[in-house]
Protein backbone atom coordinates (compact mmCIF):
# COMPACT_ATOMS: atom_id res chain seq x y z
CA MET A 1 -6.95 -21.06 -7.61
CA ILE A 2 -4.42 -18.79 -5.51
CA ALA A 3 -5.89 -15.11 -5.81
CA LEU A 4 -3.35 -13.28 -8.39
CA PHE A 5 -4.19 -9.66 -8.02
CA LEU A 6 -5.00 -8.31 -4.47
CA HIS A 7 -7.10 -5.73 -4.22
CA ILE A 8 -6.40 -2.22 -2.39
CA GLY A 9 -9.69 -0.24 -2.70
CA LYS A 10 -12.39 1.80 -5.22
CA GLY A 11 -11.50 -0.69 -7.57
CA HIS A 12 -8.17 -0.61 -7.70
CA MET A 13 -6.08 -3.91 -8.14
CA ILE A 14 -2.16 -4.93 -7.53
CA LYS A 15 0.37 -8.08 -8.90
CA LYS A 16 0.21 -9.95 -5.31
CA GLU A 17 3.84 -10.78 -7.16
CA ASP A 18 5.50 -7.19 -6.79
CA VAL A 19 4.11 -6.87 -3.34
CA VAL A 20 7.54 -6.45 -1.46
CA PHE A 21 5.46 -5.14 1.95
CA ILE A 22 2.17 -4.28 3.76
CA GLY A 23 2.24 -1.33 6.32
CA ASP A 24 0.19 0.62 8.85
CA LEU A 25 0.20 4.25 7.15
CA GLU A 26 -0.71 5.58 10.45
CA SER A 27 2.42 4.29 12.68
CA THR A 28 4.75 5.72 9.82
CA LYS A 29 3.34 9.27 11.31
CA ASP A 30 5.61 8.55 14.13
CA SER A 31 8.80 8.46 12.50
CA LYS A 32 10.66 12.00 11.67
CA ILE A 33 12.48 9.99 8.99
CA THR A 34 9.89 7.86 7.60
CA GLU A 35 7.98 10.91 7.24
CA GLU A 36 10.43 12.61 5.73
CA PHE A 37 10.84 9.58 3.37
CA PHE A 38 7.16 9.68 2.46
CA ASP A 39 7.35 13.79 1.72
CA ILE A 40 10.20 13.18 -0.36
CA ILE A 41 8.92 9.83 -2.44
CA ARG A 42 5.53 12.12 -2.95
CA GLU A 43 7.71 14.72 -4.48
CA GLU A 44 9.44 12.01 -6.47
CA GLY A 45 6.41 10.50 -8.45
CA PHE A 46 6.94 6.70 -6.01
CA ILE A 47 3.29 7.06 -4.51
CA ILE A 48 0.09 5.87 -6.06
CA ASP A 49 -2.76 7.42 -4.04
CA HIS A 50 -6.04 6.99 -5.61
CA PHE A 51 -7.63 7.93 -2.31
CA GLU A 52 -6.79 11.25 -1.11
CA ASP A 53 -6.60 11.71 2.18
CA GLU A 54 -8.53 8.24 3.05
CA ALA A 55 -5.86 5.79 3.00
CA ARG A 56 -4.89 3.81 5.76
CA SER A 57 -1.89 1.44 4.69
CA PHE A 58 0.47 1.62 1.82
CA ILE A 59 2.19 -1.25 -0.63
CA LEU A 60 5.30 -1.46 -1.43
CA THR A 61 6.39 -2.51 -4.38
CA GLY A 62 10.03 -2.98 -6.29
CA GLU A 63 8.87 0.51 -8.21
CA LYS A 64 6.10 2.46 -6.88
CA ILE A 65 4.49 2.86 -3.64
CA TYR A 66 0.19 2.41 -3.43
CA LEU A 67 -1.62 4.11 -0.46
CA SER A 68 -4.97 1.70 -0.10
CA ILE A 69 -8.48 2.66 1.99
CA ILE A 70 -8.22 -0.90 3.16
CA SER A 71 -5.95 -1.47 6.79
CA SER A 72 -3.04 -3.36 6.77
CA THR A 73 -4.12 -6.23 8.43
CA THR A 74 -6.88 -6.77 6.07
CA LEU A 75 -4.71 -6.36 2.57
CA ARG A 76 -2.05 -9.38 4.25
CA SER A 77 -4.78 -11.11 4.64
CA ARG A 78 -6.38 -11.15 1.47
CA MET A 79 -2.47 -12.35 -0.34
CA GLU A 80 -3.13 -15.50 1.79
CA GLU A 81 -6.77 -15.55 -0.32
CA ILE A 82 -7.46 -18.58 -1.99
CA ILE A 83 -10.07 -18.35 -5.00
């Protein structure tokens, strides 16, 4: 049986079928364009952040971007988990 939800930390979960991309949040700081993009979508309310300044990765879905305290590598491996 394949797990249907992705645990992103501190009890928060999202549907795996909604995940479009998982990225490393630290890598976004290297690009001025990406940094501006995150600033705009944060202002527009598209970012869901339950972790304040602890976030290490982001999960892009069709409607929102979720921040996670779990590394992008771990989240990607969880996407393939079978329970």
